[in-house]
PDB file of N, CA and C in Angstrom:
ATOM      1  N   MET A   1      21.701 158.748 118.992  1.00  0.00           N
ATOM      2  CA  MET A   1      21.771 157.665 119.956  1.00  0.00           C
ATOM      3  C   MET A   1      22.803 156.663 119.465  1.00  0.00           C
ATOM      4  N   SER A   2      23.691 156.304 120.327  1.00  0.00           N
ATOM      5  CA  SER A   2      24.629 155.244 119.986  1.00  0.00           C
ATOM      6  C   SER A   2      23.898 153.907 120.083  1.00  0.00           C
ATOM      7  N   MET A   3      24.596 152.860 119.829  1.00  0.00           N
ATOM      8  CA  MET A   3      24.002 151.531 119.965  1.00  0.00           C
ATOM      9  C   MET A   3      23.860 151.218 121.455  1.00  0.00           C
ATOM     10  N   LEU A   4      22.665 150.834 121.861  1.00  0.00           N
ATOM     11  CA  LEU A   4      22.411 150.471 123.252  1.00  0.00           C
ATOM     12  C   LEU A   4      22.317 148.954 123.358  1.00  0.00           C
ATOM     13  N   PRO A   5      23.017 148.347 124.325  1.00  0.00           N
ATOM     14  CA  PRO A   5      22.953 146.894 124.471  1.00  0.00           C
ATOM     15  C   PRO A   5      21.626 146.466 125.079  1.00  0.00           C
ATOM     16  N   LEU A   6      21.120 145.329 124.616  1.00  0.00           N
ATOM     17  CA  LEU A   6      19.903 144.736 125.155  1.00  0.00           C
ATOM     18  C   LEU A   6      20.258 143.351 125.692  1.00  0.00           C
ATOM     19  N   TYR A   7      19.843 143.080 126.925  1.00  0.00           N
ATOM     20  CA  TYR A   7      20.198 141.844 127.616  1.00  0.00           C
ATOM     21  C   TYR A   7      18.961 141.011 127.919  1.00  0.00           C
ATOM     22  N   ASP A   8      19.162 139.688 128.041  1.00  0.00           N
ATOM     23  CA  ASP A   8      18.069 138.814 128.457  1.00  0.00           C
ATOM     24  C   ASP A   8      18.020 138.758 129.985  1.00  0.00           C
ATOM     25  N   SER A   9      17.181 137.887 130.523  1.00  0.00           N
ATOM     26  CA  SER A   9      16.996 137.814 131.976  1.00  0.00           C
ATOM     27  C   SER A   9      18.240 137.323 132.715  1.00  0.00           C
ATOM     28  N   ASN A  10      19.190 136.717 131.995  1.00  0.00           N
ATOM     29  CA  ASN A  10      20.442 136.251 132.604  1.00  0.00           C
ATOM     30  C   ASN A  10      21.595 137.219 132.377  1.00  0.00           C
ATOM     31  N   SER A  11      21.284 138.418 131.925  1.00  0.00           N
ATOM     32  CA  SER A  11      22.286 139.456 131.616  1.00  0.00           C
ATOM     33  C   SER A  11      23.234 139.043 130.502  1.00  0.00           C
ATOM     34  N   GLU A  12      22.745 138.229 129.567  1.00  0.00           N
ATOM     35  CA  GLU A  12      23.507 137.872 128.369  1.00  0.00           C
ATOM     36  C   GLU A  12      23.166 138.879 127.275  1.00  0.00           C
ATOM     37  N   LEU A  13      24.180 139.398 126.597  1.00  0.00           N
ATOM     38  CA  LEU A  13      23.953 140.325 125.486  1.00  0.00           C
ATOM     39  C   LEU A  13      23.250 139.579 124.356  1.00  0.00           C
ATOM     40  N   VAL A  14      22.088 140.080 123.935  1.00  0.00           N
ATOM     41  CA  VAL A  14      21.277 139.417 122.914  1.00  0.00           C
ATOM     42  C   VAL A  14      21.118 140.281 121.670  1.00  0.00           C
ATOM     43  N   ALA A  15      21.054 141.600 121.856  1.00  0.00           N
ATOM     44  CA  ALA A  15      20.750 142.474 120.720  1.00  0.00           C
ATOM     45  C   ALA A  15      21.226 143.896 121.013  1.00  0.00           C
ATOM     46  N   TRP A  16      21.069 144.742 119.994  1.00  0.00           N
ATOM     47  CA  TRP A  16      21.429 146.163 120.079  1.00  0.00           C
ATOM     48  C   TRP A  16      20.250 147.000 119.597  1.00  0.00           C
ATOM     49  N   LEU A  17      20.054 148.156 120.225  1.00  0.00           N
ATOM     50  CA  LEU A  17      19.015 149.108 119.835  1.00  0.00           C
ATOM     51  C   LEU A  17      19.695 150.358 119.300  1.00  0.00           C
ATOM     52  N   LYS A  18      19.249 150.826 118.126  1.00  0.00           N
ATOM     53  CA  LYS A  18      19.847 152.020 117.512  1.00  0.00           C
ATOM     54  C   LYS A  18      18.758 152.875 116.886  1.00  0.00           C
ATOM     55  N   LEU A  19      18.885 154.198 117.070  1.00  0.00           N
ATOM     56  CA  LEU A  19      17.990 155.144 116.413  1.00  0.00           C
ATOM     57  C   LEU A  19      18.602 155.523 115.078  1.00  0.00           C
ATOM     58  N   ARG A  20      17.840 155.351 114.003  1.00  0.00           N
ATOM     59  CA  ARG A  20      18.329 155.686 112.669  1.00  0.00           C
ATOM     60  C   ARG A  20      17.162 156.246 111.868  1.00  0.00           C
ATOM     61  N   ASP A  21      17.339 157.415 111.297  1.00  0.00           N
ATOM     62  CA  ASP A  21      16.301 158.051 110.481  1.00  0.00           C
ATOM     63  C   ASP A  21      14.981 158.184 111.231  1.00  0.00           C
ATOM     64  N   GLY A  22      15.051 158.497 112.531  1.00  0.00           N
ATOM     65  CA  GLY A  22      13.849 158.708 113.324  1.00  0.00           C
ATOM     66  C   GLY A  22      13.133 157.444 113.758  1.00  0.00           C
ATOM     67  N   ILE A  23      13.689 156.277 113.459  1.00  0.00           N
ATOM     68  CA  ILE A  23      13.080 154.999 113.829  1.00  0.00           C
ATOM     69  C   ILE A  23      14.095 154.214 114.648  1.00  0.00           C
ATOM     70  N   GLN A  24      13.627 153.554 115.702  1.00  0.00           N
ATOM     71  CA  GLN A  24      14.513 152.685 116.472  1.00  0.00           C
ATOM     72  C   GLN A  24      14.550 151.320 115.802  1.00  0.00           C
ATOM     73  N   HIS A  25      15.757 150.798 115.630  1.00  0.00           N
ATOM     74  CA  HIS A  25      15.962 149.489 115.010  1.00  0.00           C
ATOM     75  C   HIS A  25      16.648 148.572 116.003  1.00  0.00           C
ATOM     76  N   ILE A  26      16.321 147.291 115.949  1.00  0.00           N
ATOM     77  CA  ILE A  26      16.952 146.291 116.805  1.00  0.00           C
ATOM     78  C   ILE A  26      17.753 145.353 115.908  1.00  0.00           C
ATOM     79  N   PHE A  27      19.014 145.155 116.282  1.00  0.00           N
ATOM     80  CA  PHE A  27      19.931 144.278 115.556  1.00  0.00           C
ATOM     81  C   PHE A  27      20.371 143.159 116.491  1.00  0.00           C
ATOM     82  N   ASP A  28      20.564 141.946 115.958  1.00  0.00           N
ATOM     83  CA  ASP A  28      21.107 140.875 116.790  1.00  0.00           C
ATOM     84  C   ASP A  28      22.599 141.109 117.000  1.00  0.00           C
ATOM     85  N   THR A  29      23.264 140.220 117.698  1.00  0.00           N
ATOM     86  CA  THR A  29      24.681 140.426 118.007  1.00  0.00           C
ATOM     87  C   THR A  29      25.579 140.278 116.783  1.00  0.00           C
ATOM     88  N   ASP A  30      25.052 139.709 115.690  1.00  0.00           N
ATOM     89  CA  ASP A  30      25.794 139.667 114.422  1.00  0.00           C
ATOM     90  C   ASP A  30      25.463 140.875 113.551  1.00  0.00           C
ATOM     91  N   LEU A  31      24.685 141.811 114.113  1.00  0.00           N
ATOM     92  CA  LEU A  31      24.262 143.061 113.470  1.00  0.00           C
ATOM     93  C   LEU A  31      23.324 142.843 112.286  1.00  0.00           C
ATOM     94  N   ASN A  32      22.552 141.750 112.343  1.00  0.00           N
ATOM     95  CA  ASN A  32      21.464 141.542 111.389  1.00  0.00           C
ATOM     96  C   ASN A  32      20.243 142.293 111.915  1.00  0.00           C
ATOM     97  N   TRP A  33      19.546 142.989 111.023  1.00  0.00           N
ATOM     98  CA  TRP A  33      18.347 143.739 111.400  1.00  0.00           C
ATOM     99  C   TRP A  33      17.241 142.748 111.721  1.00  0.00           C
ATOM    100  N   ILE A  34      16.723 142.762 112.955  1.00  0.00           N
ATOM    101  CA  ILE A  34      15.705 141.791 113.335  1.00  0.00           C
ATOM    102  C   ILE A  34      14.361 142.421 113.679  1.00  0.00           C
ATOM    103  N   ALA A  35      14.351 143.703 114.041  1.00  0.00           N
ATOM    104  CA  ALA A  35      13.084 144.335 114.424  1.00  0.00           C
ATOM    105  C   ALA A  35      13.215 145.850 114.343  1.00  0.00           C
ATOM    106  N   PHE A  36      12.060 146.514 114.364  1.00  0.00           N
ATOM    107  CA  PHE A  36      12.027 147.972 114.410  1.00  0.00           C
ATOM    108  C   PHE A  36      10.928 148.397 115.366  1.00  0.00           C
ATOM    109  N   VAL A  37      11.006 149.640 115.822  1.00  0.00           N
ATOM    110  CA  VAL A  37      10.029 150.175 116.765  1.00  0.00           C
ATOM    111  C   VAL A  37       9.322 151.342 116.104  1.00  0.00           C
ATOM    112  N   LYS A  38       7.997 151.280 116.095  1.00  0.00           N
ATOM    113  CA  LYS A  38       7.193 152.370 115.547  1.00  0.00           C
ATOM    114  C   LYS A  38       6.053 152.636 116.519  1.00  0.00           C
ATOM    115  N   ASN A  39       5.939 153.894 116.969  1.00  0.00           N
ATOM    116  CA  ASN A  39       4.896 154.295 117.925  1.00  0.00           C
ATOM    117  C   ASN A  39       4.928 153.440 119.191  1.00  0.00           C
ATOM    118  N   GLY A  40       6.122 153.081 119.637  1.00  0.00           N
ATOM    119  CA  GLY A  40       6.270 152.293 120.859  1.00  0.00           C
ATOM    120  C   GLY A  40       6.028 150.813 120.700  1.00  0.00           C
ATOM    121  N   ASN A  41       5.711 150.368 119.488  1.00  0.00           N
ATOM    122  CA  ASN A  41       5.456 148.956 119.225  1.00  0.00           C
ATOM    123  C   ASN A  41       6.626 148.340 118.475  1.00  0.00           C
ATOM    124  N   ILE A  42       7.031 147.149 118.902  1.00  0.00           N
ATOM    125  CA  ILE A  42       8.142 146.441 118.270  1.00  0.00           C
ATOM    126  C   ILE A  42       7.574 145.516 117.204  1.00  0.00           C
ATOM    127  N   ARG A  43       8.154 145.596 116.012  1.00  0.00           N
ATOM    128  CA  ARG A  43       7.711 144.805 114.863  1.00  0.00           C
ATOM    129  C   ARG A  43       8.864 143.994 114.301  1.00  0.00           C
ATOM    130  N   SER A  44       8.565 142.791 113.840  1.00  0.00           N
ATOM    131  CA  SER A  44       9.568 141.945 113.195  1.00  0.00           C
ATOM    132  C   SER A  44      10.020 142.584 111.891  1.00  0.00           C
ATOM    133  N   ALA A  45      11.328 142.600 111.658  1.00  0.00           N
ATOM    134  CA  ALA A  45      11.857 143.136 110.401  1.00  0.00           C
ATOM    135  C   ALA A  45      11.497 142.234 109.229  1.00  0.00           C
ATOM    136  N   ASP A  46      11.320 140.938 109.473  1.00  0.00           N
ATOM    137  CA  ASP A  46      11.023 139.999 108.386  1.00  0.00           C
ATOM    138  C   ASP A  46       9.602 140.118 107.859  1.00  0.00           C
ATOM    139  N   ASP A  47       8.619 140.148 108.769  1.00  0.00           N
ATOM    140  CA  ASP A  47       7.230 140.074 108.314  1.00  0.00           C
ATOM    141  C   ASP A  47       6.316 141.148 108.905  1.00  0.00           C
ATOM    142  N   ASN A  48       6.884 142.108 109.645  1.00  0.00           N
ATOM    143  CA  ASN A  48       6.117 143.214 110.215  1.00  0.00           C
ATOM    144  C   ASN A  48       5.144 142.757 111.303  1.00  0.00           C
ATOM    145  N   ASN A  49       5.266 141.522 111.795  1.00  0.00           N
ATOM    146  CA  ASN A  49       4.396 141.056 112.874  1.00  0.00           C
ATOM    147  C   ASN A  49       4.721 141.792 114.162  1.00  0.00           C
ATOM    148  N   TRP A  50       3.690 142.033 114.961  1.00  0.00           N
ATOM    149  CA  TRP A  50       3.844 142.716 116.239  1.00  0.00           C
ATOM    150  C   TRP A  50       4.478 141.776 117.250  1.00  0.00           C
ATOM    151  N   LEU A  51       5.570 142.222 117.886  1.00  0.00           N
ATOM    152  CA  LEU A  51       6.293 141.408 118.861  1.00  0.00           C
ATOM    153  C   LEU A  51       6.018 141.829 120.295  1.00  0.00           C
ATOM    154  N   GLY A  52       5.620 143.082 120.502  1.00  0.00           N
ATOM    155  CA  GLY A  52       5.385 143.595 121.845  1.00  0.00           C
ATOM    156  C   GLY A  52       5.616 145.094 121.885  1.00  0.00           C
ATOM    157  N   LYS A  53       5.838 145.615 123.077  1.00  0.00           N
ATOM    158  CA  LYS A  53       6.004 147.057 123.284  1.00  0.00           C
ATOM    159  C   LYS A  53       7.432 147.370 123.709  1.00  0.00           C
ATOM    160  N   LEU A  54       7.826 148.632 123.484  1.00  0.00           N
ATOM    161  CA  LEU A  54       9.076 149.152 124.018  1.00  0.00           C
ATOM    162  C   LEU A  54       8.705 150.027 125.209  1.00  0.00           C
ATOM    163  N   ASN A  55       9.212 149.694 126.387  1.00  0.00           N
ATOM    164  CA  ASN A  55       8.936 150.417 127.624  1.00  0.00           C
ATOM    165  C   ASN A  55      10.251 151.029 128.069  1.00  0.00           C
ATOM    166  N   GLN A  56      10.447 152.321 127.841  1.00  0.00           N
ATOM    167  CA  GLN A  56      11.743 152.993 127.902  1.00  0.00           C
ATOM    168  C   GLN A  56      12.628 152.261 126.888  1.00  0.00           C
ATOM    169  N   TYR A  57      13.689 151.598 127.338  1.00  0.00           N
ATOM    170  CA  TYR A  57      14.526 150.817 126.417  1.00  0.00           C
ATOM    171  C   TYR A  57      14.360 149.322 126.660  1.00  0.00           C
ATOM    172  N   ASN A  58      13.305 148.930 127.335  1.00  0.00           N
ATOM    173  CA  ASN A  58      13.039 147.524 127.621  1.00  0.00           C
ATOM    174  C   ASN A  58      12.052 146.970 126.603  1.00  0.00           C
ATOM    175  N   CYS A  59      12.367 145.814 126.043  1.00  0.00           N
ATOM    176  CA  CYS A  59      11.494 145.164 125.070  1.00  0.00           C
ATOM    177  C   CYS A  59      10.571 144.203 125.808  1.00  0.00           C
ATOM    178  N   LEU A  60       9.279 144.380 125.623  1.00  0.00           N
ATOM    179  CA  LEU A  60       8.285 143.523 126.255  1.00  0.00           C
ATOM    180  C   LEU A  60       7.700 142.576 125.223  1.00  0.00           C
ATOM    181  N   ASP A  61       7.275 141.391 125.670  1.00  0.00           N
ATOM    182  CA  ASP A  61       6.607 140.472 124.755  1.00  0.00           C
ATOM    183  C   ASP A  61       5.130 140.860 124.645  1.00  0.00           C
ATOM    184  N   ARG A  62       4.357 140.084 123.921  1.00  0.00           N
ATOM    185  CA  ARG A  62       2.941 140.402 123.705  1.00  0.00           C
ATOM    186  C   ARG A  62       2.111 140.341 124.981  1.00  0.00           C
ATOM    187  N   HIS A  63       2.653 139.694 126.015  1.00  0.00           N
ATOM    188  CA  HIS A  63       1.936 139.574 127.280  1.00  0.00           C
ATOM    189  C   HIS A  63       2.337 140.655 128.275  1.00  0.00           C
ATOM    190  N   GLY A  64       3.251 141.555 127.869  1.00  0.00           N
ATOM    191  CA  GLY A  64       3.686 142.638 128.739  1.00  0.00           C
ATOM    192  C   GLY A  64       4.843 142.271 129.647  1.00  0.00           C
ATOM    193  N   ARG A  65       5.428 141.068 129.458  1.00  0.00           N
ATOM    194  CA  ARG A  65       6.573 140.652 130.273  1.00  0.00           C
ATOM    195  C   ARG A  65       7.872 141.110 129.619  1.00  0.00           C
ATOM    196  N   VAL A  66       8.863 141.420 130.438  1.00  0.00           N
ATOM    197  CA  VAL A  66      10.154 141.892 129.930  1.00  0.00           C
ATOM    198  C   VAL A  66      10.867 140.748 129.217  1.00  0.00           C
ATOM    199  N   TYR A  67      11.229 140.981 127.954  1.00  0.00           N
ATOM    200  CA  TYR A  67      12.015 140.016 127.189  1.00  0.00           C
ATOM    201  C   TYR A  67      13.481 140.449 127.156  1.00  0.00           C
ATOM    202  N   LEU A  68      13.737 141.697 126.792  1.00  0.00           N
ATOM    203  CA  LEU A  68      15.090 142.258 126.771  1.00  0.00           C
ATOM    204  C   LEU A  68      15.093 143.550 127.571  1.00  0.00           C
ATOM    205  N   TRP A  69      16.187 143.819 128.255  1.00  0.00           N
ATOM    206  CA  TRP A  69      16.284 145.039 129.055  1.00  0.00           C
ATOM    207  C   TRP A  69      17.594 145.746 128.754  1.00  0.00           C
ATOM    208  N   CYS A  70      17.609 147.047 129.052  1.00  0.00           N
ATOM    209  CA  CYS A  70      18.777 147.884 128.793  1.00  0.00           C
ATOM    210  C   CYS A  70      19.183 148.599 130.077  1.00  0.00           C
ATOM    211  N   PRO A  71      20.467 148.580 130.419  1.00  0.00           N
ATOM    212  CA  PRO A  71      20.915 149.286 131.623  1.00  0.00           C
ATOM    213  C   PRO A  71      20.646 150.793 131.592  1.00  0.00           C
ATOM    214  N   LYS A  72      20.419 151.384 130.415  1.00  0.00           N
ATOM    215  CA  LYS A  72      20.127 152.823 130.314  1.00  0.00           C
ATOM    216  C   LYS A  72      18.711 153.160 130.780  1.00  0.00           C
ATOM    217  N   SER A  73      17.851 152.155 130.916  1.00  0.00           N
ATOM    218  CA  SER A  73      16.485 152.399 131.378  1.00  0.00           C
ATOM    219  C   SER A  73      16.495 152.799 132.843  1.00  0.00           C
ATOM    220  N   ASP A  74      15.563 153.659 133.215  1.00  0.00           N
ATOM    221  CA  ASP A  74      15.437 154.057 134.613  1.00  0.00           C
ATOM    222  C   ASP A  74      14.928 152.906 135.466  1.00  0.00           C
ATOM    223  N   PHE A  75      14.209 151.972 134.852  1.00  0.00           N
ATOM    224  CA  PHE A  75      13.631 150.841 135.571  1.00  0.00           C
ATOM    225  C   PHE A  75      13.461 149.681 134.590  1.00  0.00           C
ATOM    226  N   VAL A  76      13.341 148.482 135.128  1.00  0.00           N
ATOM    227  CA  VAL A  76      13.052 147.294 134.325  1.00  0.00           C
ATOM    228  C   VAL A  76      11.700 146.800 134.802  1.00  0.00           C
ATOM    229  N   SER A  77      10.677 147.016 133.986  1.00  0.00           N
ATOM    230  CA  SER A  77       9.323 146.712 134.412  1.00  0.00           C
ATOM    231  C   SER A  77       8.464 146.304 133.231  1.00  0.00           C
ATOM    232  N   GLY A  78       7.588 145.356 133.475  1.00  0.00           N
ATOM    233  CA  GLY A  78       6.613 144.962 132.477  1.00  0.00           C
ATOM    234  C   GLY A  78       5.343 145.782 132.639  1.00  0.00           C
ATOM    235  N   THR A  79       4.316 145.384 131.903  1.00  0.00           N
ATOM    236  CA  THR A  79       3.020 146.052 131.968  1.00  0.00           C
ATOM    237  C   THR A  79       1.935 144.995 131.891  1.00  0.00           C
ATOM    238  N   SER A  80       0.688 145.421 132.048  1.00  0.00           N
ATOM    239  CA  SER A  80      -0.408 144.500 131.783  1.00  0.00           C
ATOM    240  C   SER A  80      -0.398 144.190 130.287  1.00  0.00           C
ATOM    241  N   ARG A  81      -1.119 143.176 129.896  1.00  0.00           N
ATOM    242  CA  ARG A  81      -1.114 142.755 128.493  1.00  0.00           C
ATOM    243  C   ARG A  81      -1.582 143.897 127.593  1.00  0.00           C
ATOM    244  N   PRO A  82      -0.717 144.352 126.660  1.00  0.00           N
ATOM    245  CA  PRO A  82      -1.115 145.460 125.779  1.00  0.00           C
ATOM    246  C   PRO A  82      -2.051 144.992 124.665  1.00  0.00           C
ATOM    247  N   ALA A  83      -2.831 145.929 124.152  1.00  0.00           N
ATOM    248  CA  ALA A  83      -3.705 145.636 123.014  1.00  0.00           C
ATOM    249  C   ALA A  83      -2.863 145.530 121.746  1.00  0.00           C
ATOM    250  N   THR A  84      -3.284 144.675 120.835  1.00  0.00           N
ATOM    251  CA  THR A  84      -2.583 144.527 119.557  1.00  0.00           C
ATOM    252  C   THR A  84      -2.843 145.762 118.705  1.00  0.00           C
ATOM    253  N   PRO A  85      -1.785 146.444 118.262  1.00  0.00           N
ATOM    254  CA  PRO A  85      -1.960 147.662 117.460  1.00  0.00           C
ATOM    255  C   PRO A  85      -2.207 147.352 115.982  1.00  0.00           C
ATOM    256  N   ALA A  86      -2.634 148.374 115.258  1.00  0.00           N
ATOM    257  CA  ALA A  86      -2.787 148.252 113.802  1.00  0.00           C
ATOM    258  C   ALA A  86      -1.410 148.074 113.175  1.00  0.00           C
ATOM    259  N   ARG A  87      -1.365 147.433 112.017  1.00  0.00           N
ATOM    260  CA  ARG A  87      -0.106 147.180 111.312  1.00  0.00           C
ATOM    261  C   ARG A  87       0.332 148.439 110.562  1.00  0.00           C
ATOM    262  N   PRO A  88       1.533 148.955 110.869  1.00  0.00           N
ATOM    263  CA  PRO A  88       2.034 150.139 110.159  1.00  0.00           C
ATOM    264  C   PRO A  88       2.784 149.735 108.898  1.00  0.00           C
ATOM    265  N   GLY A  89       3.171 150.719 108.125  1.00  0.00           N
ATOM    266  CA  GLY A  89       4.052 150.458 106.997  1.00  0.00           C
ATOM    267  C   GLY A  89       5.420 150.033 107.509  1.00  0.00           C
ATOM    268  N   ARG A  90       6.103 149.230 106.743  1.00  0.00           N
ATOM    269  CA  ARG A  90       7.430 148.746 107.136  1.00  0.00           C
ATOM    270  C   ARG A  90       8.485 149.717 106.630  1.00  0.00           C
ATOM    271  N   PRO A  91       9.444 150.115 107.481  1.00  0.00           N
ATOM    272  CA  PRO A  91      10.483 151.043 107.022  1.00  0.00           C
ATOM    273  C   PRO A  91      11.471 150.350 106.090  1.00  0.00           C
ATOM    274  N   ALA A  92      12.248 151.140 105.404  1.00  0.00           N
ATOM    275  CA  ALA A  92      13.310 150.592 104.553  1.00  0.00           C
ATOM    276  C   ALA A  92      14.358 149.921 105.433  1.00  0.00           C
ATOM    277  N   ARG A  93      14.982 148.898 104.889  1.00  0.00           N
ATOM    278  CA  ARG A  93      16.045 148.197 105.620  1.00  0.00           C
ATOM    279  C   ARG A  93      17.180 149.175 105.901  1.00  0.00           C
ATOM    280  N   PRO A  94      17.573 149.306 107.169  1.00  0.00           N
ATOM    281  CA  PRO A  94      18.667 150.225 107.493  1.00  0.00           C
ATOM    282  C   PRO A  94      20.019 149.627 107.104  1.00  0.00           C
ATOM    283  N   ALA A  95      20.985 150.486 106.947  1.00  0.00           N
ATOM    284  CA  ALA A  95      22.350 150.020 106.698  1.00  0.00           C
ATOM    285  C   ALA A  95      22.856 149.313 107.952  1.00  0.00           C
ATOM    286  N   ARG A  96      23.721 148.336 107.752  1.00  0.00           N
ATOM    287  CA  ARG A  96      24.295 147.624 108.892  1.00  0.00           C
ATOM    288  C   ARG A  96      25.207 148.586 109.649  1.00  0.00           C
ATOM    289  N   PRO A  97      25.000 148.726 110.953  1.00  0.00           N
ATOM    290  CA  PRO A  97      25.839 149.652 111.723  1.00  0.00           C
ATOM    291  C   PRO A  97      27.233 149.077 111.973  1.00  0.00           C
ATOM    292  N   ALA A  98      28.134 149.946 112.363  1.00  0.00           N
ATOM    293  CA  ALA A  98      29.471 149.504 112.765  1.00  0.00           C
ATOM    294  C   ALA A  98      29.341 148.704 114.057  1.00  0.00           C
ATOM    295  N   ARG A  99      30.198 147.717 114.211  1.00  0.00           N
ATOM    296  CA  ARG A  99      30.138 146.872 115.408  1.00  0.00           C
ATOM    297  C   ARG A  99      30.642 147.654 116.623  1.00  0.00           C
ATOM    298  N   PRO A 100      29.791 147.804 117.639  1.00  0.00           N
ATOM    299  CA  PRO A 100      30.238 148.491 118.853  1.00  0.00           C
ATOM    300  C   PRO A 100      31.098 147.558 119.711  1.00  0.00           C
ATOM    301  N   ALA A 101      31.811 148.135 120.634  1.00  0.00           N
ATOM    302  CA  ALA A 101      32.588 147.333 121.575  1.00  0.00           C
ATOM    303  C   ALA A 101      31.629 146.551 122.466  1.00  0.00           C
ATOM    304  N   THR A 102      32.000 145.344 122.813  1.00  0.00           N
ATOM    305  CA  THR A 102      31.163 144.540 123.700  1.00  0.00           C
ATOM    306  C   THR A 102      31.222 145.132 125.106  1.00  0.00           C
ATOM    307  N   PRO A 103      30.064 145.475 125.668  1.00  0.00           N
ATOM    308  CA  PRO A 103      30.064 146.083 126.998  1.00  0.00           C
ATOM    309  C   PRO A 103      30.304 145.040 128.089  1.00  0.00           C
ATOM    310  N   ALA A 104      30.694 145.510 129.247  1.00  0.00           N
ATOM    311  CA  ALA A 104      30.828 144.626 130.404  1.00  0.00           C
ATOM    312  C   ALA A 104      29.446 144.097 130.768  1.00  0.00           C
ATOM    313  N   ARG A 105      29.406 142.869 131.241  1.00  0.00           N
ATOM    314  CA  ARG A 105      28.128 142.265 131.612  1.00  0.00           C
ATOM    315  C   ARG A 105      27.594 142.943 132.874  1.00  0.00           C
ATOM    316  N   PRO A 106      26.361 143.459 132.812  1.00  0.00           N
ATOM    317  CA  PRO A 106      25.805 144.136 133.989  1.00  0.00           C
ATOM    318  C   PRO A 106      25.250 143.125 134.992  1.00  0.00           C
ATOM    319  N   PRO A 107      25.058 143.548 136.233  1.00  0.00           N
ATOM    320  CA  PRO A 107      24.403 142.654 137.188  1.00  0.00           C
ATOM    321  C   PRO A 107      22.951 142.449 136.773  1.00  0.00           C
ATOM    322  N   ARG A 108      22.413 141.309 137.121  1.00  0.00           N
ATOM    323  CA  ARG A 108      21.025 141.006 136.778  1.00  0.00           C
ATOM    324  C   ARG A 108      20.099 141.891 137.608  1.00  0.00           C
ATOM    325  N   PRO A 109      19.125 142.526 136.957  1.00  0.00           N
ATOM    326  CA  PRO A 109      18.196 143.367 137.723  1.00  0.00           C
ATOM    327  C   PRO A 109      17.221 142.514 138.535  1.00  0.00           C
ATOM    328  N   ALA A 110      16.544 143.158 139.458  1.00  0.00           N
ATOM    329  CA  ALA A 110      15.512 142.480 140.238  1.00  0.00           C
ATOM    330  C   ALA A 110      14.409 141.999 139.298  1.00  0.00           C
ATOM    331  N   ARG A 111      13.655 141.017 139.736  1.00  0.00           N
ATOM    332  CA  ARG A 111      12.556 140.493 138.923  1.00  0.00           C
ATOM    333  C   ARG A 111      11.589 141.637 138.620  1.00  0.00           C
ATOM    334  N   PRO A 112      11.312 141.866 137.328  1.00  0.00           N
ATOM    335  CA  PRO A 112      10.412 142.970 136.977  1.00  0.00           C
ATOM    336  C   PRO A 112       8.957 142.657 137.321  1.00  0.00           C
ATOM    337  N   SER A 113       8.170 143.720 137.494  1.00  0.00           N
ATOM    338  CA  SER A 113       6.736 143.502 137.669  1.00  0.00           C
ATOM    339  C   SER A 113       6.229 142.778 136.426  1.00  0.00           C
ATOM    340  N   HIS A 114       5.323 141.865 136.601  1.00  0.00           N
ATOM    341  CA  HIS A 114       4.774 141.020 135.538  1.00  0.00           C
ATOM    342  C   HIS A 114       5.764 139.953 135.082  1.00  0.00           C
ATOM    343  N   GLY A 115       6.976 139.907 135.659  1.00  0.00           N
ATOM    344  CA  GLY A 115       7.923 138.827 135.411  1.00  0.00           C
ATOM    345  C   GLY A 115       8.701 138.924 134.115  1.00  0.00           C
ATOM    346  N   TRP A 116       9.594 137.938 133.949  1.00  0.00           N
ATOM    347  CA  TRP A 116      10.403 137.824 132.733  1.00  0.00           C
ATOM    348  C   TRP A 116       9.649 137.017 131.692  1.00  0.00           C
ATOM    349  N   SER A 117       9.837 137.333 130.443  1.00  0.00           N
ATOM    350  CA  SER A 117       9.299 136.530 129.355  1.00  0.00           C
ATOM    351  C   SER A 117      10.078 135.222 129.307  1.00  0.00           C
ATOM    352  N   GLU A 118       9.412 134.139 128.984  1.00  0.00           N
ATOM    353  CA  GLU A 118      10.071 132.835 128.877  1.00  0.00           C
ATOM    354  C   GLU A 118      10.414 132.484 127.436  1.00  0.00           C
ATOM    355  N   LEU A 119      10.229 133.412 126.512  1.00  0.00           N
ATOM    356  CA  LEU A 119      10.486 133.146 125.099  1.00  0.00           C
ATOM    357  C   LEU A 119      11.975 133.195 124.776  1.00  0.00           C
ATOM    358  N   SER A 120      12.398 132.365 123.825  1.00  0.00           N
ATOM    359  CA  SER A 120      13.751 132.469 123.271  1.00  0.00           C
ATOM    360  C   SER A 120      13.715 133.563 122.205  1.00  0.00           C
ATOM    361  N   LEU A 121      14.880 133.954 121.705  1.00  0.00           N
ATOM    362  CA  LEU A 121      14.918 134.981 120.658  1.00  0.00           C
ATOM    363  C   LEU A 121      14.117 134.531 119.438  1.00  0.00           C
ATOM    364  N   GLY A 122      14.302 133.302 119.003  1.00  0.00           N
ATOM    365  CA  GLY A 122      13.557 132.790 117.850  1.00  0.00           C
ATOM    366  C   GLY A 122      12.058 132.785 118.085  1.00  0.00           C
ATOM    367  N   GLU A 123      11.634 132.371 119.275  1.00  0.00           N
ATOM    368  CA  GLU A 123      10.200 132.360 119.592  1.00  0.00           C
ATOM    369  C   GLU A 123       9.636 133.775 119.619  1.00  0.00           C
ATOM    370  N   TRP A 124      10.387 134.702 120.188  1.00  0.00           N
ATOM    371  CA  TRP A 124       9.929 136.092 120.255  1.00  0.00           C
ATOM    372  C   TRP A 124       9.777 136.674 118.858  1.00  0.00           C
ATOM    373  N   LEU A 125      10.761 136.421 117.989  1.00  0.00           N
ATOM    374  CA  LEU A 125      10.719 136.977 116.633  1.00  0.00           C
ATOM    375  C   LEU A 125       9.669 136.320 115.748  1.00  0.00           C
ATOM    376  N   ASN A 126       9.251 135.101 116.072  1.00  0.00           N
ATOM    377  CA  ASN A 126       8.308 134.362 115.225  1.00  0.00           C
ATOM    378  C   ASN A 126       6.927 134.223 115.835  1.00  0.00           C
ATOM    379  N   GLN A 127       6.557 135.130 116.736  1.00  0.00           N
ATOM    380  CA  GLN A 127       5.223 135.080 117.348  1.00  0.00           C
ATOM    381  C   GLN A 127       4.146 135.246 116.298  1.00  0.00           C
TER     382      GLN A 127
END
């Protein structure tokens, strides 16, 4: 998987999703490792706290609302509030990936079911 762009509700590029060593990793636009995905759950790279779910390539907050979305997803949709999962082991820090080309800004998708998350990147990462 190449690096997939992740956008906020205003179609601003916020992060990148990359598969590495069988684990999906999320990097900010400066390519700092900020989160990882294990068993469909997004975890903070700093403290392993649960941030929400990955729904296709869409990042949901703890309430099931879309926080980040990817144009590669078949749909942009939230879910009902997911249950908090057990804490998994934290993977090793991945190597910093090469900087991908900045993609063209996509059109904003329709309002997803369950709405957009109102969290900022810092709030989402520090839940």
